[in-house]
Amino acid sequence: MKSSKIVGLGIYEPENVVTNDDLSKLVNTSDEWIQERSGIKQRRYADINEKGERNYIMGARASQEALDMAGMTPEDIDLIVYATLSPDYVFPGSGVLLQRELGFRNVAAIDVRAQCSGFVYGLSIADQYIKTGMYKNVLVVGAEIHSTGLDFSDHGRHVTVLFGDGAGAAVLTATEEQGKGILSTHMHSEGEFAEKLAVIDPSASEDPKYNAEMFEPGGSAWPVMDGQFVFKNAVVRFQEVIWEALKTNNLSPEDIDLLVPHQANMRITQFIQKKMGFPNEKVVNTITKYGNTTAASIPMALYNAYKEGRVKEGDLLCLAAFGSGFTWASALIRW
């Protein structure tokens, strides 16, 4: 059976850097408060009006860099998998907008709504199509614009300070190399706690769909999060899904050369490191400069690690994510 391997990576960072001090001018917070609770120092916000940094435009720019690294053109891609919770349109999905923007052939475009786990879910989808032989080259994208959907009032500050904008992409291709590429992927969900981290409205199940109260400070159109509850579940599920990947491949934590976790909160990552015995040099951390970019966080973190020379031929990488839904997932990759 064929395997799938990553042959191209790309990211797009919006130009506008927003520091914690910048946010302290908008909401009742401080650099010290934010860093203590999340480890974040800054994040990027898209400029949609002046620079045209729409979700699919950022996704396209990240994709072009990934294609260039892979030595491919849009003509070579057989499938687009686009992960986002912040699409430009309610419908159609972002995948077709990317297909139009870069001039892909009339290939399938699948949109994934698995929030923070979206990119790993996308990798798993791509991997299955490649392994079965249906497609040879698949583009997986994670892109988010959170900044236009945050509650910049004291009601929402504990969520607002966490999120940033950006995009990341990876090109996967079929390989005959034994023991290389994606070794396994693992996906889970638990809808029982869906409302613990969610944006509830506007909802097609409500009539009228929109009302002014939704957009008041603390209204239902803004993200809500039970931070302590999410933390307690995240640290358990992260470990479970990493162990699942390792046991499936008869490996141990010591075999992992680099852990690339979803960049949700520094405290979550540090908890997992301590419990599983990962030293700092084996863990990728980009939350300090990007914040939480949801579906874009893992490809952006992986790209940064690659550019820094932390990803080498033959290295064992573990990608792991946990997020709204709840959803959680992992991928074990031999580079």
C-alpha atoms as a PDB file:
ATOM      1  CA  MET A   1       0.000   0.000   0.000  1.00  0.00           C
ATOM      2  CA  LYS A   2       1.178   3.523  -0.765  1.00  0.00           C
ATOM      3  CA  SER A   3       1.984   5.979   2.013  1.00  0.00           C
ATOM      4  CA  SER A   4       1.535   9.735   2.001  1.00  0.00           C
ATOM      5  CA  LYS A   5       4.261  12.186   2.876  1.00  0.00           C
ATOM      6  CA  ILE A   6       4.440  15.953   3.250  1.00  0.00           C
ATOM      7  CA  VAL A   7       6.554  17.491   0.481  1.00  0.00           C
ATOM      8  CA  GLY A   8       5.586  21.156   0.797  1.00  0.00           C
ATOM      9  CA  LEU A   9       4.751  23.602   3.579  1.00  0.00           C
ATOM     10  CA  GLY A  10       3.634  27.219   3.508  1.00  0.00           C
ATOM     11  CA  ILE A  11       2.147  29.858   5.760  1.00  0.00           C
ATOM     12  CA  TYR A  12       0.668  33.324   5.592  1.00  0.00           C
ATOM     13  CA  GLU A  13       1.130  35.766   8.457  1.00  0.00           C
ATOM     14  CA  PRO A  14      -1.027  38.906   8.356  1.00  0.00           C
ATOM     15  CA  GLU A  15       1.133  42.027   8.486  1.00  0.00           C
ATOM     16  CA  ASN A  16      -0.663  43.587  11.461  1.00  0.00           C
ATOM     17  CA  VAL A  17       1.028  42.569  14.734  1.00  0.00           C
ATOM     18  CA  VAL A  18      -1.148  43.113  17.830  1.00  0.00           C
ATOM     19  CA  THR A  19       0.711  42.998  21.142  1.00  0.00           C
ATOM     20  CA  ASN A  20      -0.758  42.444  24.576  1.00  0.00           C
ATOM     21  CA  ASP A  21      -0.188  46.118  25.294  1.00  0.00           C
ATOM     22  CA  ASP A  22      -2.220  46.972  22.189  1.00  0.00           C
ATOM     23  CA  LEU A  23      -5.103  44.853  23.498  1.00  0.00           C
ATOM     24  CA  SER A  24      -4.881  46.508  26.917  1.00  0.00           C
ATOM     25  CA  LYS A  25      -6.035  49.715  25.199  1.00  0.00           C
ATOM     26  CA  LEU A  26      -9.186  47.974  23.986  1.00  0.00           C
ATOM     27  CA  VAL A  27     -10.153  45.744  26.918  1.00  0.00           C
ATOM     28  CA  ASN A  28      -9.401  45.611  30.633  1.00  0.00           C
ATOM     29  CA  THR A  29      -6.288  43.434  30.507  1.00  0.00           C
ATOM     30  CA  SER A  30      -2.510  43.632  30.661  1.00  0.00           C
ATOM     31  CA  ASP A  31       0.572  42.002  29.191  1.00  0.00           C
ATOM     32  CA  GLU A  32       1.284  40.331  32.541  1.00  0.00           C
ATOM     33  CA  TRP A  33      -2.274  38.971  32.848  1.00  0.00           C
ATOM     34  CA  ILE A  34      -2.287  37.502  29.346  1.00  0.00           C
ATOM     35  CA  GLN A  35       1.184  35.959  29.521  1.00  0.00           C
ATOM     36  CA  GLU A  36       0.527  34.410  32.926  1.00  0.00           C
ATOM     37  CA  ARG A  37      -2.636  32.678  31.723  1.00  0.00           C
ATOM     38  CA  SER A  38      -1.681  31.741  28.175  1.00  0.00           C
ATOM     39  CA  GLY A  39       1.970  32.482  27.367  1.00  0.00           C
ATOM     40  CA  ILE A  40       0.890  34.709  24.474  1.00  0.00           C
ATOM     41  CA  LYS A  41       2.878  37.895  23.780  1.00  0.00           C
ATOM     42  CA  GLN A  42       1.364  38.925  20.450  1.00  0.00           C
ATOM     43  CA  ARG A  43      -0.841  37.766  17.603  1.00  0.00           C
ATOM     44  CA  ARG A  44      -1.629  38.800  14.014  1.00  0.00           C
ATOM     45  CA  TYR A  45      -4.888  40.374  12.825  1.00  0.00           C
ATOM     46  CA  ALA A  46      -5.922  40.292   9.179  1.00  0.00           C
ATOM     47  CA  ASP A  47      -6.567  43.586   7.371  1.00  0.00           C
ATOM     48  CA  ILE A  48      -9.467  42.706   5.136  1.00  0.00           C
ATOM     49  CA  ASN A  49     -10.357  46.192   3.906  1.00  0.00           C
ATOM     50  CA  GLU A  50      -6.933  47.674   3.095  1.00  0.00           C
ATOM     51  CA  LYS A  51      -4.850  44.587   2.306  1.00  0.00           C
ATOM     52  CA  GLY A  52      -7.544  42.164   1.234  1.00  0.00           C
ATOM     53  CA  GLU A  53      -6.439  39.528   3.754  1.00  0.00           C
ATOM     54  CA  ARG A  54      -9.564  37.417   3.527  1.00  0.00           C
ATOM     55  CA  ASN A  55      -9.597  33.846   4.803  1.00  0.00           C
ATOM     56  CA  TYR A  56      -9.302  32.197   1.405  1.00  0.00           C
ATOM     57  CA  ILE A  57      -6.731  34.754   0.214  1.00  0.00           C
ATOM     58  CA  MET A  58      -4.488  33.893   3.178  1.00  0.00           C
ATOM     59  CA  GLY A  59      -5.109  30.222   2.468  1.00  0.00           C
ATOM     60  CA  ALA A  60      -4.136  30.747  -1.168  1.00  0.00           C
ATOM     61  CA  ARG A  61      -0.884  32.490  -0.279  1.00  0.00           C
ATOM     62  CA  ALA A  62       0.072  29.744   2.162  1.00  0.00           C
ATOM     63  CA  SER A  63      -0.864  27.162  -0.466  1.00  0.00           C
ATOM     64  CA  GLN A  64       1.272  28.798  -3.141  1.00  0.00           C
ATOM     65  CA  GLU A  65       4.321  28.658  -0.884  1.00  0.00           C
ATOM     66  CA  ALA A  66       3.632  24.995  -0.131  1.00  0.00           C
ATOM     67  CA  LEU A  67       3.254  24.241  -3.836  1.00  0.00           C
ATOM     68  CA  ASP A  68       6.504  26.047  -4.593  1.00  0.00           C
ATOM     69  CA  MET A  69       8.352  24.013  -1.953  1.00  0.00           C
ATOM     70  CA  ALA A  70       6.882  20.821  -3.408  1.00  0.00           C
ATOM     71  CA  GLY A  71       7.852  21.832  -6.937  1.00  0.00           C
ATOM     72  CA  MET A  72       4.222  21.588  -8.022  1.00  0.00           C
ATOM     73  CA  THR A  73       1.591  23.759  -9.631  1.00  0.00           C
ATOM     74  CA  PRO A  74      -2.183  23.776  -9.013  1.00  0.00           C
ATOM     75  CA  GLU A  75      -2.461  21.487 -12.049  1.00  0.00           C
ATOM     76  CA  ASP A  76      -0.742  18.725 -10.070  1.00  0.00           C
ATOM     77  CA  ILE A  77      -3.243  18.735  -7.175  1.00  0.00           C
ATOM     78  CA  ASP A  78      -6.027  16.140  -7.171  1.00  0.00           C
ATOM     79  CA  LEU A  79      -7.911  17.213  -4.032  1.00  0.00           C
ATOM     80  CA  ILE A  80      -8.227  20.258  -1.761  1.00  0.00           C
ATOM     81  CA  VAL A  81      -9.041  19.805   1.939  1.00  0.00           C
ATOM     82  CA  TYR A  82      -9.738  23.157   3.618  1.00  0.00           C
ATOM     83  CA  ALA A  83     -10.091  23.383   7.416  1.00  0.00           C
ATOM     84  CA  THR A  84     -11.589  26.524   8.956  1.00  0.00           C
ATOM     85  CA  LEU A  85     -14.208  27.677  11.445  1.00  0.00           C
ATOM     86  CA  SER A  86     -14.199  31.231  10.058  1.00  0.00           C
ATOM     87  CA  PRO A  87     -15.096  30.961   6.349  1.00  0.00           C
ATOM     88  CA  ASP A  88     -15.573  34.023   4.187  1.00  0.00           C
ATOM     89  CA  TYR A  89     -19.049  32.876   3.178  1.00  0.00           C
ATOM     90  CA  VAL A  90     -21.761  30.941   4.991  1.00  0.00           C
ATOM     91  CA  PHE A  91     -21.801  28.986   1.724  1.00  0.00           C
ATOM     92  CA  PRO A  92     -20.174  27.964  -0.519  1.00  0.00           C
ATOM     93  CA  GLY A  93     -17.191  26.622   1.380  1.00  0.00           C
ATOM     94  CA  SER A  94     -13.689  28.061   1.355  1.00  0.00           C
ATOM     95  CA  GLY A  95     -12.234  25.175  -0.669  1.00  0.00           C
ATOM     96  CA  VAL A  96     -13.931  26.282  -3.876  1.00  0.00           C
ATOM     97  CA  LEU A  97     -12.826  29.886  -3.331  1.00  0.00           C
ATOM     98  CA  LEU A  98      -9.239  28.634  -3.054  1.00  0.00           C
ATOM     99  CA  GLN A  99      -9.752  26.506  -6.176  1.00  0.00           C
ATOM    100  CA  ARG A 100     -10.833  29.611  -8.082  1.00  0.00           C
ATOM    101  CA  GLU A 101      -8.138  31.875  -6.660  1.00  0.00           C
ATOM    102  CA  LEU A 102      -5.200  29.666  -7.685  1.00  0.00           C
ATOM    103  CA  GLY A 103      -6.723  28.250 -10.853  1.00  0.00           C
ATOM    104  CA  PHE A 104      -6.855  24.589  -9.864  1.00  0.00           C
ATOM    105  CA  ARG A 105      -8.437  22.057 -12.188  1.00  0.00           C
ATOM    106  CA  ASN A 106     -12.016  21.092 -11.368  1.00  0.00           C
ATOM    107  CA  VAL A 107     -10.866  18.931  -8.483  1.00  0.00           C
ATOM    108  CA  ALA A 108     -12.898  18.094  -5.395  1.00  0.00           C
ATOM    109  CA  ALA A 109     -12.773  20.602  -2.547  1.00  0.00           C
ATOM    110  CA  ILE A 110     -13.708  19.366   0.926  1.00  0.00           C
ATOM    111  CA  ASP A 111     -14.312  21.776   3.799  1.00  0.00           C
ATOM    112  CA  VAL A 112     -13.596  20.498   7.316  1.00  0.00           C
ATOM    113  CA  ARG A 113     -15.291  21.920  10.423  1.00  0.00           C
ATOM    114  CA  ALA A 114     -13.330  20.314  13.253  1.00  0.00           C
ATOM    115  CA  GLN A 115     -12.079  23.618  14.686  1.00  0.00           C
ATOM    116  CA  CYS A 116      -8.689  23.283  16.434  1.00  0.00           C
ATOM    117  CA  SER A 117      -8.390  19.675  15.247  1.00  0.00           C
ATOM    118  CA  GLY A 118      -9.258  20.653  11.669  1.00  0.00           C
ATOM    119  CA  PHE A 119      -5.806  20.427  10.130  1.00  0.00           C
ATOM    120  CA  VAL A 120      -5.073  16.986  11.604  1.00  0.00           C
ATOM    121  CA  TYR A 121      -8.524  15.815  10.478  1.00  0.00           C
ATOM    122  CA  GLY A 122      -7.602  17.168   7.036  1.00  0.00           C
ATOM    123  CA  LEU A 123      -4.323  15.271   7.028  1.00  0.00           C
ATOM    124  CA  SER A 124      -6.181  12.080   7.880  1.00  0.00           C
ATOM    125  CA  ILE A 125      -8.638  12.597   5.021  1.00  0.00           C
ATOM    126  CA  ALA A 126      -5.786  13.284   2.590  1.00  0.00           C
ATOM    127  CA  ASP A 127      -3.866  10.274   3.857  1.00  0.00           C
ATOM    128  CA  GLN A 128      -6.778   7.897   3.279  1.00  0.00           C
ATOM    129  CA  TYR A 129      -7.356   9.086  -0.287  1.00  0.00           C
ATOM    130  CA  ILE A 130      -3.671   8.700  -1.100  1.00  0.00           C
ATOM    131  CA  LYS A 131      -3.345   5.280   0.533  1.00  0.00           C
ATOM    132  CA  THR A 132      -6.279   3.889  -1.434  1.00  0.00           C
ATOM    133  CA  GLY A 133      -4.756   5.166  -4.672  1.00  0.00           C
ATOM    134  CA  MET A 134      -7.672   7.432  -5.543  1.00  0.00           C
ATOM    135  CA  TYR A 135      -5.501  10.580  -5.482  1.00  0.00           C
ATOM    136  CA  LYS A 136      -1.767  11.168  -5.746  1.00  0.00           C
ATOM    137  CA  ASN A 137      -1.342  14.785  -4.587  1.00  0.00           C
ATOM    138  CA  VAL A 138      -3.533  16.478  -1.980  1.00  0.00           C
ATOM    139  CA  LEU A 139      -3.418  20.040  -0.633  1.00  0.00           C
ATOM    140  CA  VAL A 140      -4.445  20.478   3.024  1.00  0.00           C
ATOM    141  CA  VAL A 141      -5.085  24.027   4.285  1.00  0.00           C
ATOM    142  CA  GLY A 142      -5.879  25.522   7.681  1.00  0.00           C
ATOM    143  CA  ALA A 143      -6.845  29.204   7.760  1.00  0.00           C
ATOM    144  CA  GLU A 144      -8.605  31.438  10.255  1.00  0.00           C
ATOM    145  CA  ILE A 145      -9.774  35.005  10.777  1.00  0.00           C
ATOM    146  CA  HIS A 146     -10.782  35.275  14.416  1.00  0.00           C
ATOM    147  CA  SER A 147     -10.254  39.002  14.902  1.00  0.00           C
ATOM    148  CA  THR A 148     -13.561  40.028  13.305  1.00  0.00           C
ATOM    149  CA  GLY A 149     -15.551  37.670  15.536  1.00  0.00           C
ATOM    150  CA  LEU A 150     -14.249  38.497  19.012  1.00  0.00           C
ATOM    151  CA  ASP A 151     -16.009  40.275  21.865  1.00  0.00           C
ATOM    152  CA  PHE A 152     -13.821  43.294  22.627  1.00  0.00           C
ATOM    153  CA  SER A 153     -15.584  44.011  25.900  1.00  0.00           C
ATOM    154  CA  ASP A 154     -14.781  42.946  29.428  1.00  0.00           C
ATOM    155  CA  HIS A 155     -17.346  40.156  29.026  1.00  0.00           C
ATOM    156  CA  GLY A 156     -15.245  38.475  26.389  1.00  0.00           C
ATOM    157  CA  ARG A 157     -11.703  39.455  27.279  1.00  0.00           C
ATOM    158  CA  HIS A 158     -10.659  36.022  28.596  1.00  0.00           C
ATOM    159  CA  VAL A 159     -11.403  34.553  25.141  1.00  0.00           C
ATOM    160  CA  THR A 160     -10.529  37.538  22.966  1.00  0.00           C
ATOM    161  CA  VAL A 161      -6.902  37.756  24.153  1.00  0.00           C
ATOM    162  CA  LEU A 162      -6.218  34.176  23.039  1.00  0.00           C
ATOM    163  CA  PHE A 163      -6.936  34.263  19.326  1.00  0.00           C
ATOM    164  CA  GLY A 164      -5.144  35.435  16.206  1.00  0.00           C
ATOM    165  CA  ASP A 165      -5.368  35.151  12.425  1.00  0.00           C
ATOM    166  CA  GLY A 166      -3.245  33.260   9.905  1.00  0.00           C
ATOM    167  CA  ALA A 167      -3.016  30.376   7.469  1.00  0.00           C
ATOM    168  CA  GLY A 168      -0.906  27.284   6.876  1.00  0.00           C
ATOM    169  CA  ALA A 169      -0.826  24.652   4.148  1.00  0.00           C
ATOM    170  CA  ALA A 170       0.783  21.333   3.334  1.00  0.00           C
ATOM    171  CA  VAL A 171       1.118  19.348   0.113  1.00  0.00           C
ATOM    172  CA  LEU A 172       0.931  15.574   0.515  1.00  0.00           C
ATOM    173  CA  THR A 173       1.994  13.114  -2.148  1.00  0.00           C
ATOM    174  CA  ALA A 174       2.076   9.343  -2.580  1.00  0.00           C
ATOM    175  CA  THR A 175       5.292   7.514  -1.779  1.00  0.00           C
ATOM    176  CA  GLU A 176       6.472   3.915  -2.016  1.00  0.00           C
ATOM    177  CA  GLU A 177       9.111   4.430   0.711  1.00  0.00           C
ATOM    178  CA  GLN A 178       8.522   1.956   3.504  1.00  0.00           C
ATOM    179  CA  GLY A 179       8.221   3.414   6.991  1.00  0.00           C
ATOM    180  CA  LYS A 180       8.163   7.016   5.719  1.00  0.00           C
ATOM    181  CA  GLY A 181       5.442   9.633   5.698  1.00  0.00           C
ATOM    182  CA  ILE A 182       2.244   9.453   7.730  1.00  0.00           C
ATOM    183  CA  LEU A 183       2.369   6.299   9.832  1.00  0.00           C
ATOM    184  CA  SER A 184      -1.114   6.663  11.333  1.00  0.00           C
ATOM    185  CA  THR A 185      -3.815   9.192  12.171  1.00  0.00           C
ATOM    186  CA  HIS A 186      -6.370   9.122  14.985  1.00  0.00           C
ATOM    187  CA  MET A 187      -9.567  11.185  15.342  1.00  0.00           C
ATOM    188  CA  HIS A 188     -12.193  11.508  18.078  1.00  0.00           C
ATOM    189  CA  SER A 189     -15.130  13.651  19.161  1.00  0.00           C
ATOM    190  CA  GLU A 190     -17.362  14.143  22.199  1.00  0.00           C
ATOM    191  CA  GLY A 191     -20.380  16.334  21.544  1.00  0.00           C
ATOM    192  CA  GLU A 192     -21.634  16.124  25.128  1.00  0.00           C
ATOM    193  CA  PHE A 193     -19.673  19.266  25.977  1.00  0.00           C
ATOM    194  CA  ALA A 194     -20.163  21.169  22.709  1.00  0.00           C
ATOM    195  CA  GLU A 195     -21.410  24.341  24.378  1.00  0.00           C
ATOM    196  CA  LYS A 196     -18.390  24.615  26.691  1.00  0.00           C
ATOM    197  CA  LEU A 197     -16.439  26.197  23.808  1.00  0.00           C
ATOM    198  CA  ALA A 198     -18.657  27.542  21.059  1.00  0.00           C
ATOM    199  CA  VAL A 199     -20.237  30.347  19.080  1.00  0.00           C
ATOM    200  CA  ILE A 200     -23.971  29.628  19.241  1.00  0.00           C
ATOM    201  CA  ASP A 201     -25.550  32.317  17.031  1.00  0.00           C
ATOM    202  CA  PRO A 202     -26.592  33.303  14.412  1.00  0.00           C
ATOM    203  CA  SER A 203     -28.285  29.937  14.076  1.00  0.00           C
ATOM    204  CA  ALA A 204     -30.449  28.592  11.266  1.00  0.00           C
ATOM    205  CA  SER A 205     -32.469  26.871  13.993  1.00  0.00           C
ATOM    206  CA  GLU A 206     -33.575  30.197  15.462  1.00  0.00           C
ATOM    207  CA  ASP A 207     -36.351  32.381  14.051  1.00  0.00           C
ATOM    208  CA  PRO A 208     -35.542  35.174  13.585  1.00  0.00           C
ATOM    209  CA  LYS A 209     -32.004  34.132  12.790  1.00  0.00           C
ATOM    210  CA  TYR A 210     -30.562  37.518  13.801  1.00  0.00           C
ATOM    211  CA  ASN A 211     -31.371  39.944  16.577  1.00  0.00           C
ATOM    212  CA  ALA A 212     -29.504  42.894  18.053  1.00  0.00           C
ATOM    213  CA  GLU A 213     -29.048  41.235  21.465  1.00  0.00           C
ATOM    214  CA  MET A 214     -26.757  38.613  19.952  1.00  0.00           C
ATOM    215  CA  PHE A 215     -24.154  41.275  19.269  1.00  0.00           C
ATOM    216  CA  GLU A 216     -24.288  43.040  22.611  1.00  0.00           C
ATOM    217  CA  PRO A 217     -21.284  42.506  24.952  1.00  0.00           C
ATOM    218  CA  GLY A 218     -21.593  38.977  26.252  1.00  0.00           C
ATOM    219  CA  GLY A 219     -24.133  38.116  23.549  1.00  0.00           C
ATOM    220  CA  SER A 220     -24.525  34.717  21.907  1.00  0.00           C
ATOM    221  CA  ALA A 221     -22.808  35.761  18.655  1.00  0.00           C
ATOM    222  CA  TRP A 222     -19.462  35.895  20.467  1.00  0.00           C
ATOM    223  CA  PRO A 223     -17.264  32.951  21.510  1.00  0.00           C
ATOM    224  CA  VAL A 224     -17.942  31.444  24.936  1.00  0.00           C
ATOM    225  CA  MET A 225     -15.517  29.221  26.813  1.00  0.00           C
ATOM    226  CA  ASP A 226     -15.471  27.512  30.171  1.00  0.00           C
ATOM    227  CA  GLY A 227     -11.698  27.820  30.471  1.00  0.00           C
ATOM    228  CA  GLN A 228     -11.102  25.500  33.417  1.00  0.00           C
ATOM    229  CA  PHE A 229     -13.360  22.794  31.998  1.00  0.00           C
ATOM    230  CA  VAL A 230     -11.679  22.965  28.592  1.00  0.00           C
ATOM    231  CA  PHE A 231      -8.239  22.826  30.203  1.00  0.00           C
ATOM    232  CA  LYS A 232      -9.093  19.732  32.259  1.00  0.00           C
ATOM    233  CA  ASN A 233     -10.404  17.902  29.205  1.00  0.00           C
ATOM    234  CA  ALA A 234      -7.611  19.068  26.899  1.00  0.00           C
ATOM    235  CA  VAL A 235      -4.754  17.778  29.023  1.00  0.00           C
ATOM    236  CA  VAL A 236      -6.403  14.348  29.249  1.00  0.00           C
ATOM    237  CA  ARG A 237      -7.373  14.006  25.586  1.00  0.00           C
ATOM    238  CA  PHE A 238      -4.020  15.307  24.321  1.00  0.00           C
ATOM    239  CA  GLN A 239      -2.191  12.585  26.215  1.00  0.00           C
ATOM    240  CA  GLU A 240      -4.679   9.890  25.205  1.00  0.00           C
ATOM    241  CA  VAL A 241      -4.404  10.601  21.497  1.00  0.00           C
ATOM    242  CA  ILE A 242      -0.605  10.861  21.582  1.00  0.00           C
ATOM    243  CA  TRP A 243      -0.407   7.510  23.403  1.00  0.00           C
ATOM    244  CA  GLU A 244      -2.859   6.029  20.896  1.00  0.00           C
ATOM    245  CA  ALA A 245      -0.559   6.978  18.015  1.00  0.00           C
ATOM    246  CA  LEU A 246       2.497   5.607  19.795  1.00  0.00           C
ATOM    247  CA  LYS A 247       0.895   2.285  20.798  1.00  0.00           C
ATOM    248  CA  THR A 248      -0.471   1.774  17.295  1.00  0.00           C
ATOM    249  CA  ASN A 249       3.089   1.940  15.983  1.00  0.00           C
ATOM    250  CA  ASN A 250       4.766   0.136  18.920  1.00  0.00           C
ATOM    251  CA  LEU A 251       6.677   3.247  19.920  1.00  0.00           C
ATOM    252  CA  SER A 252       7.265   5.224  23.132  1.00  0.00           C
ATOM    253  CA  PRO A 253       7.437   8.953  23.957  1.00  0.00           C
ATOM    254  CA  GLU A 254      11.233   8.722  23.861  1.00  0.00           C
ATOM    255  CA  ASP A 255      11.024   7.848  20.157  1.00  0.00           C
ATOM    256  CA  ILE A 256       9.377  11.172  19.288  1.00  0.00           C
ATOM    257  CA  ASP A 257      11.859  13.719  17.939  1.00  0.00           C
ATOM    258  CA  LEU A 258       9.374  16.592  17.754  1.00  0.00           C
ATOM    259  CA  LEU A 259       5.904  17.159  19.183  1.00  0.00           C
ATOM    260  CA  VAL A 260       3.856  19.709  17.248  1.00  0.00           C
ATOM    261  CA  PRO A 261       0.805  20.429  19.416  1.00  0.00           C
ATOM    262  CA  HIS A 262      -2.118  22.671  18.595  1.00  0.00           C
ATOM    263  CA  GLN A 263      -1.181  26.072  19.980  1.00  0.00           C
ATOM    264  CA  ALA A 264      -4.071  26.627  22.373  1.00  0.00           C
ATOM    265  CA  ASN A 265      -2.430  27.658  25.626  1.00  0.00           C
ATOM    266  CA  MET A 266       1.145  27.444  26.898  1.00  0.00           C
ATOM    267  CA  ARG A 267      -0.103  25.991  30.188  1.00  0.00           C
ATOM    268  CA  ILE A 268      -1.728  23.055  28.380  1.00  0.00           C
ATOM    269  CA  THR A 269       1.435  22.322  26.419  1.00  0.00           C
ATOM    270  CA  GLN A 270       3.620  22.545  29.522  1.00  0.00           C
ATOM    271  CA  PHE A 271       1.312  20.200  31.438  1.00  0.00           C
ATOM    272  CA  ILE A 272       1.551  17.591  28.655  1.00  0.00           C
ATOM    273  CA  GLN A 273       5.335  18.016  28.473  1.00  0.00           C
ATOM    274  CA  LYS A 274       5.690  17.351  32.177  1.00  0.00           C
ATOM    275  CA  LYS A 275       3.354  14.350  32.221  1.00  0.00           C
ATOM    276  CA  MET A 276       4.904  12.693  29.162  1.00  0.00           C
ATOM    277  CA  GLY A 277       8.499  13.712  29.752  1.00  0.00           C
ATOM    278  CA  PHE A 278       9.105  15.840  26.666  1.00  0.00           C
ATOM    279  CA  PRO A 279      12.009  18.300  27.012  1.00  0.00           C
ATOM    280  CA  ASN A 280      11.583  21.812  25.597  1.00  0.00           C
ATOM    281  CA  GLU A 281      13.767  21.081  22.582  1.00  0.00           C
ATOM    282  CA  LYS A 282      11.314  18.385  21.482  1.00  0.00           C
ATOM    283  CA  VAL A 283       8.225  20.607  21.577  1.00  0.00           C
ATOM    284  CA  VAL A 284       7.246  23.309  19.077  1.00  0.00           C
ATOM    285  CA  ASN A 285       5.864  26.506  20.577  1.00  0.00           C
ATOM    286  CA  THR A 286       4.590  29.362  18.425  1.00  0.00           C
ATOM    287  CA  ILE A 287       1.704  30.562  20.587  1.00  0.00           C
ATOM    288  CA  THR A 288       3.867  33.359  21.967  1.00  0.00           C
ATOM    289  CA  LYS A 289       3.868  35.134  18.590  1.00  0.00           C
ATOM    290  CA  TYR A 290       0.667  33.923  16.893  1.00  0.00           C
ATOM    291  CA  GLY A 291      -1.802  33.200  19.675  1.00  0.00           C
ATOM    292  CA  ASN A 292      -4.376  30.497  18.972  1.00  0.00           C
ATOM    293  CA  THR A 293      -5.018  30.309  15.223  1.00  0.00           C
ATOM    294  CA  THR A 294      -7.218  27.207  15.523  1.00  0.00           C
ATOM    295  CA  ALA A 295      -7.052  25.150  12.295  1.00  0.00           C
ATOM    296  CA  ALA A 296      -3.999  27.128  11.150  1.00  0.00           C
ATOM    297  CA  SER A 297      -1.952  26.611  14.316  1.00  0.00           C
ATOM    298  CA  ILE A 298      -0.411  23.200  13.592  1.00  0.00           C
ATOM    299  CA  PRO A 299       0.658  23.915   9.989  1.00  0.00           C
ATOM    300  CA  MET A 300       2.061  27.292  11.067  1.00  0.00           C
ATOM    301  CA  ALA A 301       3.950  25.653  13.953  1.00  0.00           C
ATOM    302  CA  LEU A 302       5.249  22.849  11.719  1.00  0.00           C
ATOM    303  CA  TYR A 303       6.398  25.355   9.104  1.00  0.00           C
ATOM    304  CA  ASN A 304       8.280  27.392  11.706  1.00  0.00           C
ATOM    305  CA  ALA A 305       9.994  24.287  13.050  1.00  0.00           C
ATOM    306  CA  TYR A 306      10.982  23.207   9.546  1.00  0.00           C
ATOM    307  CA  LYS A 307      12.413  26.625   8.690  1.00  0.00           C
ATOM    308  CA  GLU A 308      14.373  26.644  11.949  1.00  0.00           C
ATOM    309  CA  GLY A 309      16.004  23.332  11.002  1.00  0.00           C
ATOM    310  CA  ARG A 310      14.253  21.370  13.717  1.00  0.00           C
ATOM    311  CA  VAL A 311      12.741  18.846  11.271  1.00  0.00           C
ATOM    312  CA  LYS A 312      15.262  16.465   9.740  1.00  0.00           C
ATOM    313  CA  GLU A 313      15.115  13.454   7.444  1.00  0.00           C
ATOM    314  CA  GLY A 314      14.046  10.385   9.403  1.00  0.00           C
ATOM    315  CA  ASP A 315      12.686  12.328  12.386  1.00  0.00           C
ATOM    316  CA  LEU A 316       9.546  11.076  14.096  1.00  0.00           C
ATOM    317  CA  LEU A 317       6.967  13.843  14.452  1.00  0.00           C
ATOM    318  CA  CYS A 318       3.736  13.754  16.421  1.00  0.00           C
ATOM    319  CA  LEU A 319       1.010  16.265  15.592  1.00  0.00           C
ATOM    320  CA  ALA A 320      -1.746  16.515  18.207  1.00  0.00           C
ATOM    321  CA  ALA A 321      -4.786  18.735  18.682  1.00  0.00           C
ATOM    322  CA  PHE A 322      -7.778  19.284  20.945  1.00  0.00           C
ATOM    323  CA  GLY A 323     -10.544  21.803  20.475  1.00  0.00           C
ATOM    324  CA  SER A 324     -14.163  22.822  20.304  1.00  0.00           C
ATOM    325  CA  GLY A 325     -16.643  20.053  19.740  1.00  0.00           C
ATOM    326  CA  PHE A 326     -14.954  18.543  21.620  1.00  0.00           C
ATOM    327  CA  THR A 327     -12.691  17.108  18.939  1.00  0.00           C
ATOM    328  CA  TRP A 328      -9.184  15.733  19.286  1.00  0.00           C
ATOM    329  CA  ALA A 329      -6.745  14.063  16.897  1.00  0.00           C
ATOM    330  CA  SER A 330      -3.151  13.050  16.287  1.00  0.00           C
ATOM    331  CA  ALA A 331      -0.886  12.092  13.412  1.00  0.00           C
ATOM    332  CA  LEU A 332       2.429  10.267  13.646  1.00  0.00           C
ATOM    333  CA  ILE A 333       4.826  11.108  10.803  1.00  0.00           C
ATOM    334  CA  ARG A 334       8.235   9.763   9.843  1.00  0.00           C
ATOM    335  CA  TRP A 335       9.827  12.651   7.964  1.00  0.00           C
END
